[in-house]
Amino acid sequence: MTDYYSNVISMMIGEIYLHNGVWK
């Protein structure tokens, strides 16, 4: 991460997801 916010207490850092049968 490069962006850190003083108005944030939880961060969605990333996700994996299935797209057309492939994990991304």
mmCIF file of all heavy atoms, coordinates in Angstrom:
data_MODEL
# 
_entry.id   MODEL 
# 
loop_
_atom_site.group_PDB 
_atom_site.id 
_atom_site.type_symbol 
_atom_site.label_atom_id 
_atom_site.label_alt_id 
_atom_site.label_comp_id 
_atom_site.label_asym_id 
_atom_site.label_entity_id 
_atom_site.label_seq_id 
_atom_site.pdbx_PDB_ins_code 
_atom_site.Cartn_x 
_atom_site.Cartn_y 
_atom_site.Cartn_z 
_atom_site.occupancy 
_atom_site.B_iso_or_equiv 
_atom_site.pdbx_formal_charge 
_atom_site.auth_seq_id 
_atom_site.auth_comp_id 
_atom_site.auth_asym_id 
_atom_site.auth_atom_id 
_atom_site.pdbx_PDB_model_num 
ATOM 1   N N   . MET A 1 1  ? 0.832   -1.203  0.000   1.00 0.00 ? 1  MET A N   1 
ATOM 2   C CA  . MET A 1 1  ? 0.000   0.000   0.000   1.00 0.00 ? 1  MET A CA  1 
ATOM 3   C C   . MET A 1 1  ? 0.868   1.255   0.000   1.00 0.00 ? 1  MET A C   1 
ATOM 4   O O   . MET A 1 1  ? 1.935   1.279   0.606   1.00 0.00 ? 1  MET A O   1 
ATOM 5   C CB  . MET A 1 1  ? -0.925  0.017   1.215   1.00 0.00 ? 1  MET A CB  1 
ATOM 6   C CG  . MET A 1 1  ? -2.068  -0.945  1.085   1.00 0.00 ? 1  MET A CG  1 
ATOM 7   S SD  . MET A 1 1  ? -3.219  -0.960  2.480   1.00 0.00 ? 1  MET A SD  1 
ATOM 8   C CE  . MET A 1 1  ? -3.024  0.595   3.261   1.00 0.00 ? 1  MET A CE  1 
ATOM 9   N N   . THR A 1 2  ? 0.368   2.288   -0.664  1.00 0.00 ? 2  THR A N   1 
ATOM 10  C CA  . THR A 1 2  ? 1.059   3.571   -0.692  1.00 0.00 ? 2  THR A CA  1 
ATOM 11  C C   . THR A 1 2  ? 0.215   4.691   -0.100  1.00 0.00 ? 2  THR A C   1 
ATOM 12  O O   . THR A 1 2  ? 0.743   5.741   0.243   1.00 0.00 ? 2  THR A O   1 
ATOM 13  C CB  . THR A 1 2  ? 1.437   3.949   -2.139  1.00 0.00 ? 2  THR A CB  1 
ATOM 14  O OG1 . THR A 1 2  ? 0.258   3.915   -2.940  1.00 0.00 ? 2  THR A OG1 1 
ATOM 15  C CG2 . THR A 1 2  ? 2.471   2.977   -2.700  1.00 0.00 ? 2  THR A CG2 1 
ATOM 16  N N   . ASP A 1 3  ? -1.100  4.474   0.006   1.00 0.00 ? 3  ASP A N   1 
ATOM 17  C CA  . ASP A 1 3  ? -2.003  5.519   0.494   1.00 0.00 ? 3  ASP A CA  1 
ATOM 18  C C   . ASP A 1 3  ? -2.544  5.143   1.869   1.00 0.00 ? 3  ASP A C   1 
ATOM 19  O O   . ASP A 1 3  ? -3.138  4.079   2.037   1.00 0.00 ? 3  ASP A O   1 
ATOM 20  C CB  . ASP A 1 3  ? -3.178  5.695   -0.470  1.00 0.00 ? 3  ASP A CB  1 
ATOM 21  C CG  . ASP A 1 3  ? -2.721  6.081   -1.869  1.00 0.00 ? 3  ASP A CG  1 
ATOM 22  O OD1 . ASP A 1 3  ? -1.749  6.842   -1.975  1.00 0.00 ? 3  ASP A OD1 1 
ATOM 23  O OD2 . ASP A 1 3  ? -3.339  5.607   -2.840  1.00 0.00 ? 3  ASP A OD2 1 
ATOM 24  N N   . TYR A 1 4  ? -2.341  6.039   2.829   1.00 0.00 ? 4  TYR A N   1 
ATOM 25  C CA  . TYR A 1 4  ? -2.806  5.822   4.202   1.00 0.00 ? 4  TYR A CA  1 
ATOM 26  C C   . TYR A 1 4  ? -3.628  7.037   4.615   1.00 0.00 ? 4  TYR A C   1 
ATOM 27  O O   . TYR A 1 4  ? -3.175  8.166   4.483   1.00 0.00 ? 4  TYR A O   1 
ATOM 28  C CB  . TYR A 1 4  ? -1.610  5.633   5.150   1.00 0.00 ? 4  TYR A CB  1 
ATOM 29  C CG  . TYR A 1 4  ? -0.792  4.425   4.782   1.00 0.00 ? 4  TYR A CG  1 
ATOM 30  C CD1 . TYR A 1 4  ? 0.269   4.520   3.896   1.00 0.00 ? 4  TYR A CD1 1 
ATOM 31  C CD2 . TYR A 1 4  ? -1.109  3.184   5.303   1.00 0.00 ? 4  TYR A CD2 1 
ATOM 32  C CE1 . TYR A 1 4  ? 0.998   3.391   3.545   1.00 0.00 ? 4  TYR A CE1 1 
ATOM 33  C CE2 . TYR A 1 4  ? -0.373  2.055   4.965   1.00 0.00 ? 4  TYR A CE2 1 
ATOM 34  C CZ  . TYR A 1 4  ? 0.674   2.173   4.076   1.00 0.00 ? 4  TYR A CZ  1 
ATOM 35  O OH  . TYR A 1 4  ? 1.393   1.056   3.740   1.00 0.00 ? 4  TYR A OH  1 
ATOM 36  N N   . TYR A 1 5  ? -4.840  6.784   5.104   1.00 0.00 ? 5  TYR A N   1 
ATOM 37  C CA  . TYR A 1 5  ? -5.790  7.860   5.346   1.00 0.00 ? 5  TYR A CA  1 
ATOM 38  C C   . TYR A 1 5  ? -6.113  7.981   6.835   1.00 0.00 ? 5  TYR A C   1 
ATOM 39  O O   . TYR A 1 5  ? -6.361  6.984   7.504   1.00 0.00 ? 5  TYR A O   1 
ATOM 40  C CB  . TYR A 1 5  ? -7.082  7.586   4.571   1.00 0.00 ? 5  TYR A CB  1 
ATOM 41  C CG  . TYR A 1 5  ? -6.847  7.306   3.106   1.00 0.00 ? 5  TYR A CG  1 
ATOM 42  C CD1 . TYR A 1 5  ? -6.827  6.000   2.625   1.00 0.00 ? 5  TYR A CD1 1 
ATOM 43  C CD2 . TYR A 1 5  ? -6.628  8.342   2.211   1.00 0.00 ? 5  TYR A CD2 1 
ATOM 44  C CE1 . TYR A 1 5  ? -6.612  5.740   1.279   1.00 0.00 ? 5  TYR A CE1 1 
ATOM 45  C CE2 . TYR A 1 5  ? -6.412  8.093   0.861   1.00 0.00 ? 5  TYR A CE2 1 
ATOM 46  C CZ  . TYR A 1 5  ? -6.404  6.790   0.407   1.00 0.00 ? 5  TYR A CZ  1 
ATOM 47  O OH  . TYR A 1 5  ? -6.190  6.531   -0.912  1.00 0.00 ? 5  TYR A OH  1 
ATOM 48  N N   . SER A 1 6  ? -6.189  9.217   7.311   1.00 0.00 ? 6  SER A N   1 
ATOM 49  C CA  . SER A 1 6  ? -6.486  9.430   8.727   1.00 0.00 ? 6  SER A CA  1 
ATOM 50  C C   . SER A 1 6  ? -7.977  9.314   9.031   1.00 0.00 ? 6  SER A C   1 
ATOM 51  O O   . SER A 1 6  ? -8.360  9.278   10.199  1.00 0.00 ? 6  SER A O   1 
ATOM 52  C CB  . SER A 1 6  ? -5.962  10.797  9.177   1.00 0.00 ? 6  SER A CB  1 
ATOM 53  O OG  . SER A 1 6  ? -6.572  11.815  8.414   1.00 0.00 ? 6  SER A OG  1 
ATOM 54  N N   . ASN A 1 7  ? -8.817  9.203   8.007   1.00 0.00 ? 7  ASN A N   1 
ATOM 55  C CA  . ASN A 1 7  ? -10.260 9.043   8.244   1.00 0.00 ? 7  ASN A CA  1 
ATOM 56  C C   . ASN A 1 7  ? -10.710 7.601   8.025   1.00 0.00 ? 7  ASN A C   1 
ATOM 57  O O   . ASN A 1 7  ? -11.895 7.329   7.915   1.00 0.00 ? 7  ASN A O   1 
ATOM 58  C CB  . ASN A 1 7  ? -11.046 9.985   7.330   1.00 0.00 ? 7  ASN A CB  1 
ATOM 59  C CG  . ASN A 1 7  ? -10.849 9.669   5.855   1.00 0.00 ? 7  ASN A CG  1 
ATOM 60  O OD1 . ASN A 1 7  ? -9.850  9.087   5.468   1.00 0.00 ? 7  ASN A OD1 1 
ATOM 61  N ND2 . ASN A 1 7  ? -11.799 10.081  5.035   1.00 0.00 ? 7  ASN A ND2 1 
ATOM 62  N N   . VAL A 1 8  ? -9.769  6.651   8.006   1.00 0.00 ? 8  VAL A N   1 
ATOM 63  C CA  . VAL A 1 8  ? -10.051 5.254   7.717   1.00 0.00 ? 8  VAL A CA  1 
ATOM 64  C C   . VAL A 1 8  ? -9.587  4.372   8.874   1.00 0.00 ? 8  VAL A C   1 
ATOM 65  O O   . VAL A 1 8  ? -8.498  4.573   9.410   1.00 0.00 ? 8  VAL A O   1 
ATOM 66  C CB  . VAL A 1 8  ? -9.306  4.845   6.410   1.00 0.00 ? 8  VAL A CB  1 
ATOM 67  C CG1 . VAL A 1 8  ? -9.240  3.357   6.251   1.00 0.00 ? 8  VAL A CG1 1 
ATOM 68  C CG2 . VAL A 1 8  ? -9.956  5.494   5.218   1.00 0.00 ? 8  VAL A CG2 1 
ATOM 69  N N   . ILE A 1 9  ? -10.437 3.388   9.268   1.00 0.00 ? 9  ILE A N   1 
ATOM 70  C CA  . ILE A 1 9  ? -10.038 2.458   10.329  1.00 0.00 ? 9  ILE A CA  1 
ATOM 71  C C   . ILE A 1 9  ? -10.034 1.010   9.853   1.00 0.00 ? 9  ILE A C   1 
ATOM 72  O O   . ILE A 1 9  ? -9.591  0.123   10.571  1.00 0.00 ? 9  ILE A O   1 
ATOM 73  C CB  . ILE A 1 9  ? -10.908 2.613   11.586  1.00 0.00 ? 9  ILE A CB  1 
ATOM 74  C CG1 . ILE A 1 9  ? -12.368 2.317   11.307  1.00 0.00 ? 9  ILE A CG1 1 
ATOM 75  C CG2 . ILE A 1 9  ? -10.717 4.001   12.190  1.00 0.00 ? 9  ILE A CG2 1 
ATOM 76  C CD1 . ILE A 1 9  ? -13.237 2.276   12.556  1.00 0.00 ? 9  ILE A CD1 1 
ATOM 77  N N   . SER A 1 10 ? -10.519 0.779   8.630   1.00 0.00 ? 10 SER A N   1 
ATOM 78  C CA  . SER A 1 10 ? -10.459 -0.546  8.014   1.00 0.00 ? 10 SER A CA  1 
ATOM 79  C C   . SER A 1 10 ? -10.065 -0.383  6.557   1.00 0.00 ? 10 SER A C   1 
ATOM 80  O O   . SER A 1 10 ? -10.521 0.545   5.889   1.00 0.00 ? 10 SER A O   1 
ATOM 81  C CB  . SER A 1 10 ? -11.813 -1.257  8.091   1.00 0.00 ? 10 SER A CB  1 
ATOM 82  O OG  . SER A 1 10 ? -12.153 -1.543  9.425   1.00 0.00 ? 10 SER A OG  1 
ATOM 83  N N   . MET A 1 11 ? -9.217  -1.285  6.078   1.00 0.00 ? 11 MET A N   1 
ATOM 84  C CA  . MET A 1 11 ? -8.692  -1.164  4.724   1.00 0.00 ? 11 MET A CA  1 
ATOM 85  C C   . MET A 1 11 ? -8.917  -2.465  3.955   1.00 0.00 ? 11 MET A C   1 
ATOM 86  O O   . MET A 1 11 ? -8.494  -3.532  4.406   1.00 0.00 ? 11 MET A O   1 
ATOM 87  C CB  . MET A 1 11 ? -7.199  -0.869  4.814   1.00 0.00 ? 11 MET A CB  1 
ATOM 88  C CG  . MET A 1 11 ? -6.532  -0.587  3.505   1.00 0.00 ? 11 MET A CG  1 
ATOM 89  S SD  . MET A 1 11 ? -6.958  1.005   2.758   1.00 0.00 ? 11 MET A SD  1 
ATOM 90  C CE  . MET A 1 11 ? -6.224  2.162   3.886   1.00 0.00 ? 11 MET A CE  1 
ATOM 91  N N   . MET A 1 12 ? -9.610  -2.369  2.823   1.00 0.00 ? 12 MET A N   1 
ATOM 92  C CA  . MET A 1 12 ? -9.707  -3.503  1.915   1.00 0.00 ? 12 MET A CA  1 
ATOM 93  C C   . MET A 1 12 ? -8.400  -3.509  1.137   1.00 0.00 ? 12 MET A C   1 
ATOM 94  O O   . MET A 1 12 ? -8.214  -2.719  0.217   1.00 0.00 ? 12 MET A O   1 
ATOM 95  C CB  . MET A 1 12 ? -10.887 -3.354  0.946   1.00 0.00 ? 12 MET A CB  1 
ATOM 96  C CG  . MET A 1 12 ? -12.225 -3.556  1.598   1.00 0.00 ? 12 MET A CG  1 
ATOM 97  S SD  . MET A 1 12 ? -12.749 -2.095  2.471   1.00 0.00 ? 12 MET A SD  1 
ATOM 98  C CE  . MET A 1 12 ? -14.487 -2.220  2.318   1.00 0.00 ? 12 MET A CE  1 
ATOM 99  N N   . ILE A 1 13 ? -7.486  -4.380  1.523   1.00 0.00 ? 13 ILE A N   1 
ATOM 100 C CA  . ILE A 1 13 ? -6.158  -4.357  0.916   1.00 0.00 ? 13 ILE A CA  1 
ATOM 101 C C   . ILE A 1 13 ? -6.150  -5.039  -0.451  1.00 0.00 ? 13 ILE A C   1 
ATOM 102 O O   . ILE A 1 13 ? -5.443  -4.632  -1.354  1.00 0.00 ? 13 ILE A O   1 
ATOM 103 C CB  . ILE A 1 13 ? -5.087  -4.928  1.871   1.00 0.00 ? 13 ILE A CB  1 
ATOM 104 C CG1 . ILE A 1 13 ? -3.682  -4.635  1.347   1.00 0.00 ? 13 ILE A CG1 1 
ATOM 105 C CG2 . ILE A 1 13 ? -5.324  -6.398  2.135   1.00 0.00 ? 13 ILE A CG2 1 
ATOM 106 C CD1 . ILE A 1 13 ? -2.583  -4.853  2.358   1.00 0.00 ? 13 ILE A CD1 1 
ATOM 107 N N   . GLY A 1 14 ? -6.971  -6.065  -0.611  1.00 0.00 ? 14 GLY A N   1 
ATOM 108 C CA  . GLY A 1 14 ? -7.017  -6.755  -1.892  1.00 0.00 ? 14 GLY A CA  1 
ATOM 109 C C   . GLY A 1 14 ? -8.093  -7.821  -1.896  1.00 0.00 ? 14 GLY A C   1 
ATOM 110 O O   . GLY A 1 14 ? -8.734  -8.078  -0.873  1.00 0.00 ? 14 GLY A O   1 
ATOM 111 N N   . GLU A 1 15 ? -8.271  -8.430  -3.072  1.00 0.00 ? 15 GLU A N   1 
ATOM 112 C CA  . GLU A 1 15 ? -9.254  -9.498  -3.195  1.00 0.00 ? 15 GLU A CA  1 
ATOM 113 C C   . GLU A 1 15 ? -8.796  -10.475 -4.264  1.00 0.00 ? 15 GLU A C   1 
ATOM 114 O O   . GLU A 1 15 ? -8.063  -10.103 -5.186  1.00 0.00 ? 15 GLU A O   1 
ATOM 115 C CB  . GLU A 1 15 ? -10.631 -8.935  -3.558  1.00 0.00 ? 15 GLU A CB  1 
ATOM 116 C CG  . GLU A 1 15 ? -10.682 -8.289  -4.925  1.00 0.00 ? 15 GLU A CG  1 
ATOM 117 C CD  . GLU A 1 15 ? -11.999 -7.589  -5.233  1.00 0.00 ? 15 GLU A CD  1 
ATOM 118 O OE1 . GLU A 1 15 ? -12.833 -7.416  -4.329  1.00 0.00 ? 15 GLU A OE1 1 
ATOM 119 O OE2 . GLU A 1 15 ? -12.174 -7.184  -6.409  1.00 0.00 ? 15 GLU A OE2 1 
ATOM 120 N N   . ILE A 1 16 ? -9.215  -11.711 -4.104  1.00 0.00 ? 16 ILE A N   1 
ATOM 121 C CA  . ILE A 1 16 ? -9.079  -12.674 -5.183  1.00 0.00 ? 16 ILE A CA  1 
ATOM 122 C C   . ILE A 1 16 ? -10.485 -12.958 -5.674  1.00 0.00 ? 16 ILE A C   1 
ATOM 123 O O   . ILE A 1 16 ? -11.430 -12.941 -4.889  1.00 0.00 ? 16 ILE A O   1 
ATOM 124 C CB  . ILE A 1 16 ? -8.337  -13.958 -4.753  1.00 0.00 ? 16 ILE A CB  1 
ATOM 125 C CG1 . ILE A 1 16 ? -9.046  -14.636 -3.593  1.00 0.00 ? 16 ILE A CG1 1 
ATOM 126 C CG2 . ILE A 1 16 ? -6.891  -13.664 -4.412  1.00 0.00 ? 16 ILE A CG2 1 
ATOM 127 C CD1 . ILE A 1 16 ? -8.563  -16.032 -3.350  1.00 0.00 ? 16 ILE A CD1 1 
ATOM 128 N N   . TYR A 1 17 ? -10.600 -13.165 -6.975  1.00 0.00 ? 17 TYR A N   1 
ATOM 129 C CA  . TYR A 1 17 ? -11.938 -13.375 -7.525  1.00 0.00 ? 17 TYR A CA  1 
ATOM 130 C C   . TYR A 1 17 ? -11.843 -14.277 -8.744  1.00 0.00 ? 17 TYR A C   1 
ATOM 131 O O   . TYR A 1 17 ? -10.815 -14.351 -9.424  1.00 0.00 ? 17 TYR A O   1 
ATOM 132 C CB  . TYR A 1 17 ? -12.603 -12.041 -7.864  1.00 0.00 ? 17 TYR A CB  1 
ATOM 133 C CG  . TYR A 1 17 ? -11.898 -11.246 -8.924  1.00 0.00 ? 17 TYR A CG  1 
ATOM 134 C CD1 . TYR A 1 17 ? -12.341 -11.280 -10.252 1.00 0.00 ? 17 TYR A CD1 1 
ATOM 135 C CD2 . TYR A 1 17 ? -10.786 -10.470 -8.620  1.00 0.00 ? 17 TYR A CD2 1 
ATOM 136 C CE1 . TYR A 1 17 ? -11.700 -10.557 -11.233 1.00 0.00 ? 17 TYR A CE1 1 
ATOM 137 C CE2 . TYR A 1 17 ? -10.140 -9.741  -9.591  1.00 0.00 ? 17 TYR A CE2 1 
ATOM 138 C CZ  . TYR A 1 17 ? -10.596 -9.795  -10.899 1.00 0.00 ? 17 TYR A CZ  1 
ATOM 139 O OH  . TYR A 1 17 ? -9.954  -9.080  -11.871 1.00 0.00 ? 17 TYR A OH  1 
ATOM 140 N N   . LEU A 1 18 ? -12.943 -14.949 -9.003  1.00 0.00 ? 18 LEU A N   1 
ATOM 141 C CA  . LEU A 1 18 ? -13.037 -15.869 -10.124 1.00 0.00 ? 18 LEU A CA  1 
ATOM 142 C C   . LEU A 1 18 ? -13.603 -15.120 -11.333 1.00 0.00 ? 18 LEU A C   1 
ATOM 143 O O   . LEU A 1 18 ? -14.678 -14.533 -11.262 1.00 0.00 ? 18 LEU A O   1 
ATOM 144 C CB  . LEU A 1 18 ? -13.945 -17.046 -9.750  1.00 0.00 ? 18 LEU A CB  1 
ATOM 145 C CG  . LEU A 1 18 ? -13.929 -18.257 -10.657 1.00 0.00 ? 18 LEU A CG  1 
ATOM 146 C CD1 . LEU A 1 18 ? -12.525 -18.846 -10.773 1.00 0.00 ? 18 LEU A CD1 1 
ATOM 147 C CD2 . LEU A 1 18 ? -14.890 -19.314 -10.121 1.00 0.00 ? 18 LEU A CD2 1 
ATOM 148 N N   . HIS A 1 19 ? -12.840 -15.122 -12.423 1.00 0.00 ? 19 HIS A N   1 
ATOM 149 C CA  . HIS A 1 19 ? -13.273 -14.445 -13.648 1.00 0.00 ? 19 HIS A CA  1 
ATOM 150 C C   . HIS A 1 19 ? -13.055 -15.387 -14.825 1.00 0.00 ? 19 HIS A C   1 
ATOM 151 O O   . HIS A 1 19 ? -11.917 -15.772 -15.102 1.00 0.00 ? 19 HIS A O   1 
ATOM 152 C CB  . HIS A 1 19 ? -12.469 -13.158 -13.842 1.00 0.00 ? 19 HIS A CB  1 
ATOM 153 C CG  . HIS A 1 19 ? -12.830 -12.409 -15.086 1.00 0.00 ? 19 HIS A CG  1 
ATOM 154 N ND1 . HIS A 1 19 ? -14.015 -11.723 -15.206 1.00 0.00 ? 19 HIS A ND1 1 
ATOM 155 C CD2 . HIS A 1 19 ? -12.186 -12.263 -16.261 1.00 0.00 ? 19 HIS A CD2 1 
ATOM 156 C CE1 . HIS A 1 19 ? -14.065 -11.173 -16.406 1.00 0.00 ? 19 HIS A CE1 1 
ATOM 157 N NE2 . HIS A 1 19 ? -12.969 -11.494 -17.066 1.00 0.00 ? 19 HIS A NE2 1 
ATOM 158 N N   . ASN A 1 20 ? -14.152 -15.776 -15.461 1.00 0.00 ? 20 ASN A N   1 
ATOM 159 C CA  . ASN A 1 20 ? -14.088 -16.715 -16.592 1.00 0.00 ? 20 ASN A CA  1 
ATOM 160 C C   . ASN A 1 20 ? -13.307 -17.982 -16.245 1.00 0.00 ? 20 ASN A C   1 
ATOM 161 O O   . ASN A 1 20 ? -12.480 -18.451 -17.026 1.00 0.00 ? 20 ASN A O   1 
ATOM 162 C CB  . ASN A 1 20 ? -13.492 -16.041 -17.830 1.00 0.00 ? 20 ASN A CB  1 
ATOM 163 C CG  . ASN A 1 20 ? -14.390 -14.957 -18.380 1.00 0.00 ? 20 ASN A CG  1 
ATOM 164 O OD1 . ASN A 1 20 ? -15.605 -15.009 -18.226 1.00 0.00 ? 20 ASN A OD1 1 
ATOM 165 N ND2 . ASN A 1 20 ? -13.795 -13.953 -18.999 1.00 0.00 ? 20 ASN A ND2 1 
ATOM 166 N N   . GLY A 1 21 ? -13.535 -18.497 -15.041 1.00 0.00 ? 21 GLY A N   1 
ATOM 167 C CA  . GLY A 1 21 ? -12.908 -19.745 -14.617 1.00 0.00 ? 21 GLY A CA  1 
ATOM 168 C C   . GLY A 1 21 ? -11.468 -19.619 -14.151 1.00 0.00 ? 21 GLY A C   1 
ATOM 169 O O   . GLY A 1 21 ? -10.814 -20.625 -13.872 1.00 0.00 ? 21 GLY A O   1 
ATOM 170 N N   . VAL A 1 22 ? -10.957 -18.385 -14.041 1.00 0.00 ? 22 VAL A N   1 
ATOM 171 C CA  . VAL A 1 22 ? -9.565  -18.153 -13.652 1.00 0.00 ? 22 VAL A CA  1 
ATOM 172 C C   . VAL A 1 22 ? -9.540  -17.267 -12.402 1.00 0.00 ? 22 VAL A C   1 
ATOM 173 O O   . VAL A 1 22 ? -10.258 -16.259 -12.332 1.00 0.00 ? 22 VAL A O   1 
ATOM 174 C CB  . VAL A 1 22 ? -8.804  -17.446 -14.803 1.00 0.00 ? 22 VAL A CB  1 
ATOM 175 C CG1 . VAL A 1 22 ? -7.386  -17.111 -14.399 1.00 0.00 ? 22 VAL A CG1 1 
ATOM 176 C CG2 . VAL A 1 22 ? -8.816  -18.308 -16.053 1.00 0.00 ? 22 VAL A CG2 1 
ATOM 177 N N   . TRP A 1 23 ? -8.705  -17.640 -11.427 1.00 0.00 ? 23 TRP A N   1 
ATOM 178 C CA  . TRP A 1 23 ? -8.567  -16.829 -10.217 1.00 0.00 ? 23 TRP A CA  1 
ATOM 179 C C   . TRP A 1 23 ? -7.607  -15.674 -10.472 1.00 0.00 ? 23 TRP A C   1 
ATOM 180 O O   . TRP A 1 23 ? -6.503  -15.863 -10.969 1.00 0.00 ? 23 TRP A O   1 
ATOM 181 C CB  . TRP A 1 23 ? -8.089  -17.681 -9.043  1.00 0.00 ? 23 TRP A CB  1 
ATOM 182 C CG  . TRP A 1 23 ? -9.178  -18.549 -8.524  1.00 0.00 ? 23 TRP A CG  1 
ATOM 183 C CD1 . TRP A 1 23 ? -9.379  -19.874 -8.788  1.00 0.00 ? 23 TRP A CD1 1 
ATOM 184 C CD2 . TRP A 1 23 ? -10.253 -18.144 -7.675  1.00 0.00 ? 23 TRP A CD2 1 
ATOM 185 N NE1 . TRP A 1 23 ? -10.518 -20.316 -8.157  1.00 0.00 ? 23 TRP A NE1 1 
ATOM 186 C CE2 . TRP A 1 23 ? -11.075 -19.289 -7.465  1.00 0.00 ? 23 TRP A CE2 1 
ATOM 187 C CE3 . TRP A 1 23 ? -10.622 -16.944 -7.080  1.00 0.00 ? 23 TRP A CE3 1 
ATOM 188 C CZ2 . TRP A 1 23 ? -12.220 -19.251 -6.675  1.00 0.00 ? 23 TRP A CZ2 1 
ATOM 189 C CZ3 . TRP A 1 23 ? -11.772 -16.912 -6.294  1.00 0.00 ? 23 TRP A CZ3 1 
ATOM 190 C CH2 . TRP A 1 23 ? -12.553 -18.047 -6.098  1.00 0.00 ? 23 TRP A CH2 1 
ATOM 191 N N   . LYS A 1 24 ? -8.062  -14.473 -10.102 1.00 0.00 ? 24 LYS A N   1 
ATOM 192 C CA  . LYS A 1 24 ? -7.277  -13.264 -10.287 1.00 0.00 ? 24 LYS A CA  1 
ATOM 193 C C   . LYS A 1 24 ? -7.131  -12.551 -8.945  1.00 0.00 ? 24 LYS A C   1 
ATOM 194 O O   . LYS A 1 24 ? -7.913  -12.786 -8.019  1.00 0.00 ? 24 LYS A O   1 
ATOM 195 C CB  . LYS A 1 24 ? -7.962  -12.330 -11.294 1.00 0.00 ? 24 LYS A CB  1 
ATOM 196 C CG  . LYS A 1 24 ? -8.083  -12.939 -12.692 1.00 0.00 ? 24 LYS A CG  1 
ATOM 197 C CD  . LYS A 1 24 ? -8.830  -12.025 -13.631 1.00 0.00 ? 24 LYS A CD  1 
ATOM 198 C CE  . LYS A 1 24 ? -7.862  -11.169 -14.389 1.00 0.00 ? 24 LYS A CE  1 
ATOM 199 N NZ  . LYS A 1 24 ? -8.534  -10.336 -15.419 1.00 0.00 ? 24 LYS A NZ  1 
# 
